[in-house]
């Protein structure tokens, strides 16, 4: 969780000097944050040094990671002020940013807004920069999802363009530098900069770099790395242009709204921001910031039951106001909650219930005895899995627990299988080629386990009972899990009969007879590219209703598969879906 450092005297003055450190710590606890440290209690402060408070902020409360947001939220919570009315100024012809088609190659989105008549002090300026750093570290995911550029509007001229250019074609003087550099020089120059070097990899290998120009073709920024020194913000800056480039449209809107709501309080017209127009390559025009309110419907019955209190509709409305939530009672028992722009962390009803509990006070919630008598028990599928595991282990086989992610090759090519595109769940941006897909079989993990333990004496008897994952277009998440059991034998010979014996033992434990008539299972000869030709079969199961379906396979592994996994000895294996027996 992020830690915010604020000036103790300034914050206490804002709150009316009603607190000492211990009392403020209690206030933080009630509000859902934590006072980590008061530097004035560590010892005597040096001459000119001011006492600071270090406060731990929940990772999803982006509205509290600067002094402005924290002091405002505490003031509203304590009833010292009302929730601000954030507004977009009516502008006949707003400033425009035009996006070129080439940006789709690197960072396709950009948004912007203007703060007019800002009055910076040294403390406000530090907070302004500090908020950007905080957002870059968490919500922006170290600038991979979004990066913020801020500019003195008095030094540049609109309309603006957001382009993607070859590195050698981009020339400007970076922030706080005197040397003009092209894109390649910027990368090499900041290789040793402790603040910038970790972001270089985001664009280093791209054929084009994102760049923002003003109407005079003056470079304003090279996102996500550095702004231009030309549009540098100083304490004398009065009009601030904020541009944010991104790869994620949801995140970039959240970041922009946090930036403008936190610092529009210093504008000439408080809490009013000037919009900007963004024109995309397809001709679509958008106006930012988007202040369209989000509304969540709930009820006092639900909120009271979740929190464990008994408040009327009007009392709930008043309590939610302390958390900056504007609530109104609708017809019937429905409560409509209008979510502020500063609270993207609120997604559903239960989040409102959490804020209600904070406002009411967790210590004030009455203690009651839970009169619901329940007895815990495992899910049927998990109980069945334990029975299968126990049987396999009692037969002398060793259980393995392998990773649910594997490479695409291991899941398909190494098993001599073809990827049809409608089976495996593929990760969009895997951290490693070793973890590209969710496994659709337990076999790759067991084969890799043998490879890594090949120095141990043969034979190997391994089993695993775990989930595999498949695509499922009819499911809400588009995927489904399936519980499989897999047994593998490897020795000087494949000994297919040993593997089949384990399968028979498992089936006998589940009271499933080896029979083609009535409920039971049997083997049907089939060809499977993973197995040796003529040495494989499908495992068929007839249920109580007489329906027959294939639940798995058994066979001797093909030599090519052994070579792919660098195995020296023959392998026989079976794998079945045990969910059929639940």
Protein backbone atom coordinates (compact mmCIF):
# COMPACT_ATOMS: atom_id res chain seq x y z
CA UNK A 1 0.00 0.00 0.00
CA UNK A 2 1.30 3.51 -0.78
CA UNK A 3 2.56 5.74 2.02
CA UNK A 4 1.72 9.45 1.88
CA UNK A 5 3.94 11.98 3.64
CA UNK A 6 2.25 15.25 4.63
CA UNK A 7 3.24 18.30 6.64
CA UNK A 8 1.89 17.79 10.17
CA UNK A 9 1.26 21.44 11.00
CA UNK A 10 -0.43 22.16 7.68
CA UNK A 11 -2.80 19.18 7.97
CA UNK A 12 -3.63 19.84 11.63
CA UNK A 13 -4.36 23.50 10.80
CA UNK A 14 -6.70 22.38 8.03
CA UNK A 15 -8.54 20.15 10.51
CA UNK A 16 -8.88 22.95 13.05
CA UNK A 17 -6.02 21.97 15.40
CA UNK A 18 -8.28 19.59 17.29
CA UNK A 19 -5.89 16.65 17.42
CA UNK A 20 -2.65 15.47 18.89
CA UNK A 21 -0.76 12.57 17.31
CA UNK A 22 -2.59 9.88 19.26
CA UNK A 23 -6.00 11.35 18.51
CA UNK A 24 -5.15 11.75 14.84
CA UNK A 25 -4.04 8.11 14.73
CA UNK A 26 -7.45 7.10 16.08
CA UNK A 27 -9.13 9.28 13.43
CA UNK A 28 -7.11 7.57 10.71
CA UNK A 29 -8.08 4.16 12.05
CA UNK A 30 -11.79 5.05 11.99
CA UNK A 31 -11.47 6.37 8.44
CA UNK A 32 -9.78 3.23 7.14
CA UNK A 33 -6.20 4.49 6.85
CA UNK A 34 -3.25 4.11 9.22
CA UNK A 35 -0.84 6.61 10.76
CA UNK A 36 2.54 4.97 10.25
CA UNK A 37 4.83 7.58 11.78
CA UNK A 38 5.06 11.07 13.24
CA UNK A 39 8.62 12.27 12.60
CA UNK A 40 8.41 14.72 15.51
CA UNK A 41 8.27 11.77 17.91
CA UNK A 42 11.55 10.26 16.69
CA UNK A 43 13.61 12.93 18.40
CA UNK A 44 14.47 16.58 18.14
CA UNK A 45 13.95 18.09 14.69
CA UNK A 46 16.85 19.82 12.97
CA UNK A 47 16.68 23.63 12.62
CA UNK A 48 14.22 24.47 9.85
CA UNK A 49 12.91 20.89 9.65
CA UNK A 50 9.13 20.52 9.81
CA UNK A 51 7.35 17.58 11.42
CA UNK A 52 5.77 15.17 8.95
CA UNK A 53 3.12 12.48 9.16
CA UNK A 54 3.54 9.25 7.20
CA UNK A 55 0.15 7.69 6.48
CA UNK A 56 -0.53 4.29 4.88
CA UNK A 57 -3.25 4.57 2.23
CA UNK A 58 -5.26 1.60 0.85
CA UNK A 59 -3.97 0.66 -2.60
CA UNK A 60 -7.34 1.33 -4.27
CA UNK A 61 -7.94 4.79 -2.75
CA UNK A 62 -6.26 6.89 -5.45
CA UNK A 63 -8.12 9.97 -4.18
CA UNK A 64 -6.14 9.92 -0.91
CA UNK A 65 -2.57 9.76 -2.22
CA UNK A 66 -1.96 13.51 -2.10
CA UNK A 67 -2.40 16.16 0.59
CA UNK A 68 -5.32 17.78 -1.24
CA UNK A 69 -7.31 14.57 -1.50
CA UNK A 70 -6.61 13.38 2.03
CA UNK A 71 -7.38 16.69 3.75
CA UNK A 72 -10.56 17.16 1.70
CA UNK A 73 -11.80 13.62 2.42
CA UNK A 74 -11.13 13.97 6.16
CA UNK A 75 -12.84 17.37 6.20
CA UNK A 76 -15.97 15.90 4.59
CA UNK A 77 -15.86 12.88 6.93
CA UNK A 78 -15.72 15.19 9.95
CA UNK A 79 -18.56 17.37 8.62
CA UNK A 80 -16.31 20.42 8.23
CA UNK A 81 -17.09 20.85 4.51
CA UNK A 82 -19.35 19.62 1.73
CA UNK A 83 -18.40 17.42 -1.18
CA UNK A 84 -17.18 19.75 -3.96
CA UNK A 85 -19.23 20.25 -7.09
CA UNK A 86 -16.74 19.36 -9.81
CA UNK A 87 -17.65 21.03 -13.09
CA UNK A 88 -16.48 21.30 -16.69
CA UNK A 89 -16.33 24.87 -17.96
CA UNK A 90 -18.50 25.60 -21.01
CA UNK A 91 -16.08 26.37 -23.85
CA UNK A 92 -17.26 27.16 -27.37
CA UNK A 93 -14.04 25.95 -29.02
CA UNK A 94 -11.92 23.79 -26.72
CA UNK A 95 -8.24 23.09 -27.32
CA UNK A 96 -7.75 20.08 -29.58
CA UNK A 97 -5.38 17.11 -29.72
CA UNK A 98 -5.31 15.20 -33.01
CA UNK A 99 -4.13 11.59 -32.89
CA UNK A 100 -2.33 10.10 -35.91
CA UNK A 101 -2.86 6.52 -37.08
CA UNK A 102 0.75 5.53 -36.31
CA UNK A 103 0.09 5.84 -32.55
CA UNK A 104 -1.79 2.54 -32.66
CA UNK A 105 1.62 0.84 -32.93
CA UNK A 106 2.77 1.98 -29.49
CA UNK A 107 0.30 3.95 -27.26
CA UNK A 108 -3.05 4.49 -29.00
CA UNK A 109 -4.91 6.70 -26.51
CA UNK A 110 -4.56 10.24 -25.23
CA UNK A 111 -6.75 12.48 -23.07
CA UNK A 112 -6.29 15.99 -21.78
CA UNK A 113 -7.65 18.87 -19.72
CA UNK A 114 -6.65 22.41 -18.70
CA UNK A 115 -6.51 24.00 -15.25
CA UNK A 116 -6.91 27.79 -15.54
CA UNK A 117 -5.63 30.37 -13.07
CA UNK A 118 -3.72 27.95 -10.86
CA UNK A 119 -1.80 29.47 -7.96
CA UNK A 120 1.21 27.33 -7.12
CA UNK A 121 3.24 27.56 -3.96
CA UNK A 122 6.30 25.45 -3.32
CA UNK A 123 4.25 23.01 -1.21
CA UNK A 124 1.45 22.79 -3.79
CA UNK A 125 3.96 22.22 -6.57
CA UNK A 126 5.64 19.38 -4.63
CA UNK A 127 2.24 17.81 -4.02
CA UNK A 128 1.38 18.17 -7.73
CA UNK A 129 4.54 16.31 -8.75
CA UNK A 130 4.12 13.80 -5.89
CA UNK A 131 0.64 12.83 -7.04
CA UNK A 132 1.93 12.12 -10.54
CA UNK A 133 4.67 9.90 -9.12
CA UNK A 134 2.17 8.03 -6.93
CA UNK A 135 -0.21 7.44 -9.85
CA UNK A 136 2.64 6.31 -12.09
CA UNK A 137 3.71 3.71 -9.54
CA UNK A 138 0.34 2.10 -8.88
CA UNK A 139 -2.64 2.93 -11.09
CA UNK A 140 -0.46 3.48 -14.19
CA UNK A 141 1.53 0.30 -13.48
CA UNK A 142 4.90 2.04 -13.73
CA UNK A 143 3.77 4.01 -16.80
CA UNK A 144 2.97 0.90 -18.84
CA UNK A 145 -0.78 1.59 -18.86
CA UNK A 146 -0.64 5.39 -18.75
CA UNK A 147 1.82 8.25 -18.32
CA UNK A 148 1.14 11.84 -17.32
CA UNK A 149 2.55 14.94 -18.98
CA UNK A 150 1.96 18.41 -17.49
CA UNK A 151 2.80 21.66 -19.30
CA UNK A 152 2.77 25.42 -18.90
CA UNK A 153 0.10 26.38 -21.42
CA UNK A 154 1.58 29.86 -21.70
CA UNK A 155 4.70 28.45 -23.42
CA UNK A 156 2.92 26.41 -26.09
CA UNK A 157 0.21 26.94 -28.66
CA UNK A 158 -2.68 24.74 -29.77
CA UNK A 159 -3.99 22.84 -31.59
CA UNK A 160 -1.80 19.90 -30.57
CA UNK A 161 -0.96 16.61 -32.23
CA UNK A 162 -0.15 13.22 -30.78
CA UNK A 163 2.06 11.29 -33.17
CA UNK A 164 4.37 8.29 -33.45
CA UNK A 165 7.68 9.17 -35.14
CA UNK A 166 10.97 7.43 -35.84
CA UNK A 167 13.38 8.10 -32.95
CA UNK A 168 15.85 9.93 -35.18
CA UNK A 169 13.13 12.35 -36.31
CA UNK A 170 12.27 13.49 -32.77
CA UNK A 171 14.47 16.34 -31.51
CA UNK A 172 13.97 18.35 -28.32
CA UNK A 173 15.59 19.44 -25.05
CA UNK A 174 14.41 17.14 -22.22
CA UNK A 175 13.22 18.52 -18.90
CA UNK A 176 15.96 20.28 -16.88
CA UNK A 177 18.57 19.69 -19.62
CA UNK A 178 20.33 22.01 -22.06
CA UNK A 179 21.33 19.57 -24.82
CA UNK A 180 19.00 18.92 -27.76
CA UNK A 181 18.56 15.18 -28.24
CA UNK A 182 16.87 12.82 -30.68
CA UNK A 183 14.97 9.72 -29.54
CA UNK A 184 18.01 7.42 -29.61
CA UNK A 185 20.08 9.89 -27.60
CA UNK A 186 17.31 10.21 -25.00
CA UNK A 187 17.36 6.44 -24.45
CA UNK A 188 21.14 6.28 -24.05
CA UNK A 189 21.27 9.46 -21.92
CA UNK A 190 18.81 8.16 -19.33
CA UNK A 191 20.30 4.64 -19.10
CA UNK A 192 21.92 5.60 -15.80
CA UNK A 193 19.15 7.85 -14.47
CA UNK A 194 17.66 6.13 -11.42
CA UNK A 195 14.24 7.72 -11.98
CA UNK A 196 13.84 7.20 -15.73
CA UNK A 197 15.83 4.08 -16.63
CA UNK A 198 13.16 1.60 -15.51
CA UNK A 199 10.71 3.03 -18.08
CA UNK A 200 13.05 2.91 -21.10
CA UNK A 201 12.10 -0.67 -21.98
CA UNK A 202 8.50 0.42 -22.68
CA UNK A 203 9.47 2.06 -25.99
CA UNK A 204 13.14 1.14 -26.53
CA UNK A 205 12.55 -1.61 -29.12
CA UNK A 206 9.67 0.07 -30.89
CA UNK A 207 10.27 1.33 -34.46
CA UNK A 208 8.39 4.51 -33.54
CA UNK A 209 8.23 6.59 -30.36
CA UNK A 210 5.13 8.48 -29.17
CA UNK A 211 5.52 12.26 -29.16
CA UNK A 212 3.26 15.27 -28.48
CA UNK A 213 3.68 18.46 -30.58
CA UNK A 214 2.10 21.90 -30.35
CA UNK A 215 0.98 23.96 -33.35
CA UNK A 216 4.56 25.19 -33.96
CA UNK A 217 5.91 21.60 -34.05
CA UNK A 218 7.55 22.14 -30.67
CA UNK A 219 7.95 18.86 -28.81
CA UNK A 220 6.00 18.90 -25.55
CA UNK A 221 6.74 15.40 -24.30
CA UNK A 222 8.14 12.01 -25.21
CA UNK A 223 5.79 9.70 -23.31
CA UNK A 224 6.19 7.70 -21.19
CA UNK A 225 9.71 9.00 -20.47
CA UNK A 226 10.16 12.76 -20.15
CA UNK A 227 8.60 16.14 -20.84
CA UNK A 228 10.24 18.88 -22.85
CA UNK A 229 12.07 21.62 -21.01
CA UNK A 230 10.27 24.13 -23.24
CA UNK A 231 6.89 23.63 -21.52
CA UNK A 232 8.27 23.15 -18.00
CA UNK A 233 5.94 24.12 -15.16
CA UNK A 234 7.25 26.65 -12.62
CA UNK A 235 5.79 28.41 -9.60
CA UNK A 236 4.81 31.25 -11.94
CA UNK A 237 2.71 28.98 -14.17
CA UNK A 238 -0.95 29.96 -14.19
CA UNK A 239 -2.51 27.71 -16.85
CA UNK A 240 -1.65 23.99 -16.77
CA UNK A 241 -2.27 21.60 -19.64
CA UNK A 242 -2.47 17.94 -18.62
CA UNK A 243 -2.04 15.31 -21.33
CA UNK A 244 -2.06 11.60 -20.55
CA UNK A 245 -1.13 8.93 -23.09
CA UNK A 246 -2.10 5.33 -22.50
CA UNK A 247 -2.64 1.78 -23.65
CA UNK A 248 -5.76 1.37 -21.49
CA UNK A 249 -8.72 3.71 -21.93
CA UNK A 250 -10.33 2.87 -18.59
CA UNK A 251 -7.17 3.61 -16.62
CA UNK A 252 -6.40 6.82 -18.49
CA UNK A 253 -9.82 8.28 -17.68
CA UNK A 254 -9.38 7.40 -14.02
CA UNK A 255 -5.95 9.04 -13.93
CA UNK A 256 -7.18 12.23 -15.61
CA UNK A 257 -10.16 12.55 -13.27
CA UNK A 258 -7.95 12.14 -10.21
CA UNK A 259 -5.46 14.73 -11.44
CA UNK A 260 -8.01 17.43 -12.25
CA UNK A 261 -10.28 16.89 -9.23
CA UNK A 262 -7.37 17.00 -6.79
CA UNK A 263 -5.84 20.25 -8.09
CA UNK A 264 -8.76 22.15 -9.58
CA UNK A 265 -9.25 23.49 -6.03
CA UNK A 266 -6.37 25.88 -6.77
CA UNK A 267 -7.94 27.21 -9.99
CA UNK A 268 -9.23 30.76 -10.30
CA UNK A 269 -12.72 29.21 -10.40
CA UNK A 270 -12.38 26.39 -7.84
CA UNK A 271 -13.23 22.86 -8.98
CA UNK A 272 -13.81 23.97 -12.57
CA UNK A 273 -11.72 22.43 -15.34
CA UNK A 274 -11.51 23.36 -19.02
CA UNK A 275 -12.13 20.43 -21.37
CA UNK A 276 -10.02 19.33 -24.35
CA UNK A 277 -11.13 17.74 -27.58
CA UNK A 278 -9.40 14.61 -28.89
CA UNK A 279 -9.78 13.61 -32.54
CA UNK A 280 -8.86 10.00 -33.34
CA UNK A 281 -7.68 8.69 -36.74
CA UNK A 282 -11.12 7.24 -37.57
CA UNK A 283 -12.63 10.72 -37.22
CA UNK A 284 -14.20 10.03 -33.83
CA UNK A 285 -14.13 13.07 -31.54
CA UNK A 286 -14.13 12.79 -27.76
CA UNK A 287 -14.22 15.52 -25.09
CA UNK A 288 -12.32 15.06 -21.83
CA UNK A 289 -12.56 14.94 -18.89
CA UNK A 290 -15.66 12.77 -18.79
CA UNK A 291 -17.64 13.95 -15.76
CA UNK A 292 -20.66 11.75 -16.46
CA UNK A 293 -21.63 10.43 -13.01
CA UNK A 294 -21.87 6.73 -12.22
CA UNK A 295 -24.92 5.63 -10.26
CA UNK A 296 -25.32 2.46 -8.19
CA UNK A 297 -28.71 1.27 -6.99
CA UNK A 298 -28.96 -0.34 -3.57
CA UNK A 299 -31.35 -0.58 -0.61
CA UNK A 300 -31.31 -0.04 3.12
CA UNK A 301 -32.25 -3.70 3.60
CA UNK A 302 -29.11 -4.85 1.79
CA UNK A 303 -26.77 -2.29 3.39
CA UNK A 304 -28.07 -2.93 6.91
CA UNK A 305 -27.76 -6.69 6.49
CA UNK A 306 -24.18 -6.47 5.20
CA UNK A 307 -22.95 -4.06 7.87
CA UNK A 308 -25.00 -5.47 10.74
CA UNK A 309 -26.84 -2.31 11.73
CA UNK A 310 -30.41 -1.03 11.62
CA UNK A 311 -30.52 2.45 10.10
CA UNK A 312 -33.37 4.19 8.29
CA UNK A 313 -33.09 5.33 4.69
CA UNK A 314 -32.54 8.96 5.70
CA UNK A 315 -29.91 7.99 8.27
CA UNK A 316 -28.04 5.95 5.64
CA UNK A 317 -28.13 8.91 3.24
CA UNK A 318 -26.55 11.15 5.89
CA UNK A 319 -23.89 8.58 6.75
CA UNK A 320 -22.91 8.13 3.09
CA UNK A 321 -22.49 11.92 2.73
CA UNK A 322 -19.58 11.69 5.16
CA UNK A 323 -17.84 9.43 2.62
CA UNK A 324 -18.47 11.87 -0.28
CA UNK A 325 -21.29 9.69 -1.62
CA UNK A 326 -24.41 11.57 -2.74
CA UNK A 327 -27.38 9.31 -2.03
CA UNK A 328 -31.10 9.83 -2.54
CA UNK A 329 -34.08 7.69 -1.56
CA UNK A 330 -36.12 6.58 -4.56
CA UNK A 331 -39.60 5.12 -4.67
CA UNK A 332 -40.02 2.07 -2.50
CA UNK A 333 -36.94 1.09 -0.54
CA UNK A 334 -34.38 1.77 -3.28
CA UNK A 335 -31.45 4.10 -2.61
CA UNK A 336 -29.67 5.68 -5.56
CA UNK A 337 -26.00 6.47 -4.89
CA UNK A 338 -24.21 8.89 -7.18
CA UNK A 339 -20.51 8.07 -7.13
CA UNK A 340 -18.03 10.96 -7.11
CA UNK A 341 -15.36 11.23 -9.80
CA UNK A 342 -12.73 10.67 -7.14
CA UNK A 343 -13.95 7.17 -6.24
CA UNK A 344 -13.21 4.73 -9.09
CA UNK A 345 -12.62 2.10 -6.40
CA UNK A 346 -16.39 1.74 -5.87
CA UNK A 347 -17.61 -0.92 -8.28
CA UNK A 348 -20.73 -2.45 -6.72
CA UNK A 349 -23.13 -2.46 -3.77
CA UNK A 350 -20.75 -4.14 -1.35
CA UNK A 351 -18.28 -1.26 -1.76
CA UNK A 352 -20.99 1.16 -0.67
CA UNK A 353 -21.68 -1.07 2.34
CA UNK A 354 -17.99 -0.83 3.28
CA UNK A 355 -18.12 2.98 3.19
CA UNK A 356 -21.32 2.90 5.25
CA UNK A 357 -19.54 0.77 7.87
CA UNK A 358 -16.63 3.23 8.01
CA UNK A 359 -19.00 6.19 8.37
CA UNK A 360 -21.07 4.44 11.06
CA UNK A 361 -17.89 3.30 12.83
CA UNK A 362 -16.81 -0.32 13.07
CA UNK A 363 -16.54 0.04 16.84
CA UNK A 364 -20.16 1.17 16.97
CA UNK A 365 -21.57 -1.87 15.20
CA UNK A 366 -23.43 -3.88 17.83
CA UNK A 367 -22.04 -7.27 18.75
CA UNK A 368 -24.60 -10.04 18.17
CA UNK A 369 -24.39 -13.78 18.32
CA UNK A 370 -24.64 -15.63 15.04
CA UNK A 371 -27.62 -17.91 15.43
CA UNK A 372 -27.19 -19.61 12.07
CA UNK A 373 -26.02 -23.17 12.78
CA UNK A 374 -23.97 -24.51 9.89
CA UNK A 375 -21.64 -27.44 9.47
CA UNK A 376 -18.71 -27.10 7.10
CA UNK A 377 -17.95 -29.85 4.64
CA UNK A 378 -15.88 -30.16 1.46
CA UNK A 379 -17.40 -29.74 -1.95
CA UNK A 380 -18.41 -33.03 -3.54
CA UNK A 381 -15.78 -32.64 -6.25
CA UNK A 382 -13.03 -32.00 -3.71
CA UNK A 383 -14.12 -34.96 -1.59
CA UNK A 384 -14.05 -37.17 -4.69
CA UNK A 385 -10.59 -35.84 -5.60
CA UNK A 386 -9.27 -36.76 -2.15
CA UNK A 387 -10.62 -40.31 -2.53
CA UNK A 388 -8.84 -40.67 -5.88
CA UNK A 389 -5.61 -39.22 -4.49
CA UNK A 390 -5.67 -41.54 -1.49
CA UNK A 391 -6.21 -44.59 -3.67
CA UNK A 392 -3.38 -43.72 -6.08
CA UNK A 393 -1.01 -43.01 -3.21
CA UNK A 394 -1.91 -46.30 -1.47
CA UNK A 395 -0.98 -48.09 -4.69
CA UNK A 396 2.57 -46.79 -4.27
CA UNK A 397 2.43 -43.89 -6.75
CA UNK A 398 3.90 -40.48 -5.91
CA UNK A 399 1.74 -37.35 -6.17
CA UNK A 400 3.03 -34.37 -8.13
CA UNK A 401 1.65 -30.82 -8.04
CA UNK A 402 2.61 -29.02 -11.25
CA UNK A 403 1.98 -25.52 -12.54
CA UNK A 404 -1.32 -24.71 -14.24
CA UNK A 405 0.47 -22.57 -16.86
CA UNK A 406 2.78 -23.94 -19.52
CA UNK A 407 4.20 -22.96 -22.88
CA UNK A 408 2.20 -23.31 -26.07
CA UNK A 409 4.71 -25.85 -27.38
CA UNK A 410 4.45 -28.02 -24.29
CA UNK A 411 0.65 -28.07 -24.48
CA UNK A 412 0.43 -28.74 -28.22
CA UNK A 413 3.49 -29.27 -30.44
CA UNK A 414 5.46 -31.34 -27.92
CA UNK A 415 2.44 -33.65 -27.54
CA UNK A 416 2.01 -33.81 -31.34
CA UNK A 417 -1.33 -32.03 -31.01
CA UNK A 418 -2.74 -29.27 -33.22
CA UNK A 419 -4.08 -26.05 -31.69
CA UNK A 420 -7.52 -25.43 -33.19
CA UNK A 421 -7.83 -22.09 -31.41
CA UNK A 422 -11.02 -23.00 -29.54
CA UNK A 423 -9.53 -25.06 -26.72
CA UNK A 424 -6.71 -23.39 -24.77
CA UNK A 425 -6.92 -20.12 -22.85
CA UNK A 426 -3.98 -17.99 -24.01
CA UNK A 427 -2.36 -15.26 -21.92
CA UNK A 428 -2.26 -11.90 -23.73
CA UNK A 429 1.07 -10.67 -22.36
CA UNK A 430 2.90 -13.57 -20.71
CA UNK A 431 5.95 -12.73 -18.62
CA UNK A 432 7.79 -15.73 -20.06
CA UNK A 433 7.44 -18.14 -22.98
CA UNK A 434 7.24 -20.87 -20.33
CA UNK A 435 3.82 -19.58 -19.22
CA UNK A 436 1.80 -18.82 -22.35
CA UNK A 437 -1.36 -20.90 -21.95
CA UNK A 438 -3.50 -22.52 -19.28
CA UNK A 439 -2.89 -26.25 -19.51
CA UNK A 440 -5.58 -28.41 -21.11
CA UNK A 441 -3.91 -31.61 -19.90
CA UNK A 442 -1.97 -32.72 -16.83
CA UNK A 443 0.44 -34.68 -19.00
CA UNK A 444 2.96 -31.87 -19.82
CA UNK A 445 3.56 -31.17 -16.13
CA UNK A 446 4.21 -34.85 -15.30
CA UNK A 447 6.51 -35.31 -18.30
CA UNK A 448 8.52 -32.25 -17.23
CA UNK A 449 8.65 -33.63 -13.67
CA UNK A 450 10.24 -36.84 -14.98
CA UNK A 451 12.74 -34.82 -17.03
CA UNK A 452 13.80 -32.75 -14.02
CA UNK A 453 14.18 -35.90 -11.88
CA UNK A 454 15.79 -38.15 -14.48
CA UNK A 455 18.80 -38.79 -12.21
CA UNK A 456 16.58 -40.76 -9.84
CA UNK A 457 16.37 -44.55 -10.36
CA UNK A 458 13.58 -46.00 -12.50
CA UNK A 459 10.75 -46.85 -12.55
CA UNK A 460 8.80 -43.62 -12.07
CA UNK A 461 5.22 -43.82 -10.81
CA UNK A 462 3.63 -40.37 -10.70
CA UNK A 463 0.08 -39.09 -10.48
CA UNK A 464 -1.72 -35.77 -10.24
CA UNK A 465 -5.32 -34.80 -9.53
CA UNK A 466 -5.83 -31.14 -10.48
CA UNK A 467 -7.75 -28.76 -12.70
CA UNK A 468 -7.22 -28.07 -16.38
CA UNK A 469 -8.78 -25.10 -18.18
CA UNK A 470 -10.74 -24.88 -21.43
CA UNK A 471 -12.41 -22.09 -23.37
CA UNK A 472 -16.17 -21.96 -22.88
CA UNK A 473 -18.05 -19.31 -24.82
CA UNK A 474 -21.28 -20.00 -22.93
CA UNK A 475 -19.75 -19.14 -19.54
CA UNK A 476 -19.62 -15.65 -18.01
CA UNK A 477 -15.81 -15.62 -17.94
CA UNK A 478 -15.45 -17.52 -21.21
CA UNK A 479 -13.63 -20.42 -19.53
CA UNK A 480 -14.33 -23.55 -17.50
CA UNK A 481 -12.24 -25.70 -15.18
CA UNK A 482 -12.27 -29.48 -15.37
CA UNK A 483 -10.89 -31.80 -12.67
CA UNK A 484 -8.61 -34.46 -14.16
CA UNK A 485 -6.73 -37.43 -12.74
CA UNK A 486 -3.55 -38.52 -14.50
CA UNK A 487 -1.29 -41.50 -13.78
CA UNK A 488 2.12 -41.97 -15.43
CA UNK A 489 4.53 -44.92 -15.43
CA UNK A 490 8.05 -44.87 -16.90
CA UNK A 491 10.69 -47.60 -16.78
CA UNK A 492 12.82 -49.85 -18.93
CA UNK A 493 9.59 -50.81 -20.68
CA UNK A 494 6.26 -48.97 -20.90
CA UNK A 495 4.35 -51.72 -19.02
CA UNK A 496 0.97 -50.55 -20.20
CA UNK A 497 -0.63 -53.15 -17.93
CA UNK A 498 0.72 -51.33 -14.83
CA UNK A 499 -0.95 -48.07 -15.85
CA UNK A 500 -4.17 -49.87 -16.72
CA UNK A 501 -4.04 -51.59 -13.35
CA UNK A 502 -3.97 -48.22 -11.58
CA UNK A 503 -6.94 -47.07 -13.67
CA UNK A 504 -8.85 -50.23 -12.73
CA UNK A 505 -8.03 -49.66 -9.04
CA UNK A 506 -9.31 -46.08 -9.16
CA UNK A 507 -12.50 -47.13 -10.89
CA UNK A 508 -13.08 -49.93 -8.38
CA UNK A 509 -12.70 -47.43 -5.53
CA UNK A 510 -15.36 -45.26 -7.19
CA UNK A 511 -17.60 -48.34 -7.55
CA UNK A 512 -17.47 -48.16 -11.35
CA UNK A 513 -17.40 -51.65 -12.90
CA UNK A 514 -15.44 -52.61 -16.02
CA UNK A 515 -18.47 -53.27 -18.22
CA UNK A 516 -19.94 -52.30 -21.57
CA UNK A 517 -23.51 -52.98 -20.40
CA UNK A 518 -25.05 -51.03 -17.54
CA UNK A 519 -23.22 -48.40 -15.57
CA UNK A 520 -19.47 -48.84 -15.97
CA UNK A 521 -16.42 -48.05 -18.04
CA UNK A 522 -14.52 -49.73 -20.83
CA UNK A 523 -11.69 -49.06 -23.29
CA UNK A 524 -12.35 -48.38 -26.95
CA UNK A 525 -9.50 -48.54 -29.42
CA UNK A 526 -8.67 -45.12 -30.86
CA UNK A 527 -5.86 -43.19 -32.46
CA UNK A 528 -4.34 -40.29 -30.57
CA UNK A 529 -1.27 -38.44 -31.93
CA UNK A 530 0.25 -38.25 -28.42
CA UNK A 531 0.34 -42.06 -28.20
CA UNK A 532 2.10 -44.75 -30.20
CA UNK A 533 0.01 -46.05 -33.10
CA UNK A 534 -2.04 -49.08 -32.11
CA UNK A 535 -1.17 -48.63 -28.44
CA UNK A 536 -3.86 -46.21 -27.30
CA UNK A 537 -7.53 -46.27 -26.33
CA UNK A 538 -10.31 -43.95 -25.24
CA UNK A 539 -11.78 -44.40 -21.76
CA UNK A 540 -15.56 -44.61 -22.16
CA UNK A 541 -18.11 -44.25 -19.35
CA UNK A 542 -21.80 -45.24 -19.30
CA UNK A 543 -23.72 -43.38 -16.58
CA UNK A 544 -26.87 -44.35 -14.68
CA UNK A 545 -29.05 -43.03 -17.52
CA UNK A 546 -27.30 -45.18 -20.10
CA UNK A 547 -25.56 -42.22 -21.80
CA UNK A 548 -22.07 -43.06 -23.03
CA UNK A 549 -19.30 -40.48 -23.26
CA UNK A 550 -15.54 -40.35 -23.54
CA UNK A 551 -13.93 -39.25 -20.26
CA UNK A 552 -10.25 -39.69 -21.10
CA UNK A 553 -7.54 -41.71 -22.78
CA UNK A 554 -4.84 -44.28 -22.03
CA UNK A 555 -1.82 -45.42 -24.00
CA UNK A 556 1.92 -45.60 -24.58
CA UNK A 557 3.55 -42.24 -25.29
CA UNK A 558 4.84 -41.71 -28.84
CA UNK A 559 8.67 -41.66 -29.21
CA UNK A 560 8.57 -38.16 -30.70
CA UNK A 561 6.90 -36.89 -27.53
CA UNK A 562 9.65 -38.53 -25.47
CA UNK A 563 12.27 -36.77 -27.60
CA UNK A 564 10.47 -33.44 -27.24
CA UNK A 565 10.59 -33.76 -23.45
CA UNK A 566 14.12 -35.22 -23.51
CA UNK A 567 13.11 -38.49 -21.84
CA UNK A 568 15.14 -41.69 -22.10
CA UNK A 569 12.65 -44.37 -21.09
CA UNK A 570 9.23 -45.44 -22.42
CA UNK A 571 6.15 -43.95 -20.78
CA UNK A 572 2.57 -45.18 -20.42
CA UNK A 573 -0.14 -42.90 -19.09
CA UNK A 574 -3.85 -42.43 -18.55
CA UNK A 575 -5.79 -39.22 -17.98
CA UNK A 576 -9.49 -39.02 -17.17
CA UNK A 577 -12.08 -36.39 -16.25
CA UNK A 578 -13.33 -37.39 -12.79
CA UNK A 579 -16.17 -34.85 -12.74
CA UNK A 580 -18.25 -37.49 -14.51
CA UNK A 581 -18.49 -39.38 -11.20
CA UNK A 582 -19.73 -36.52 -9.00
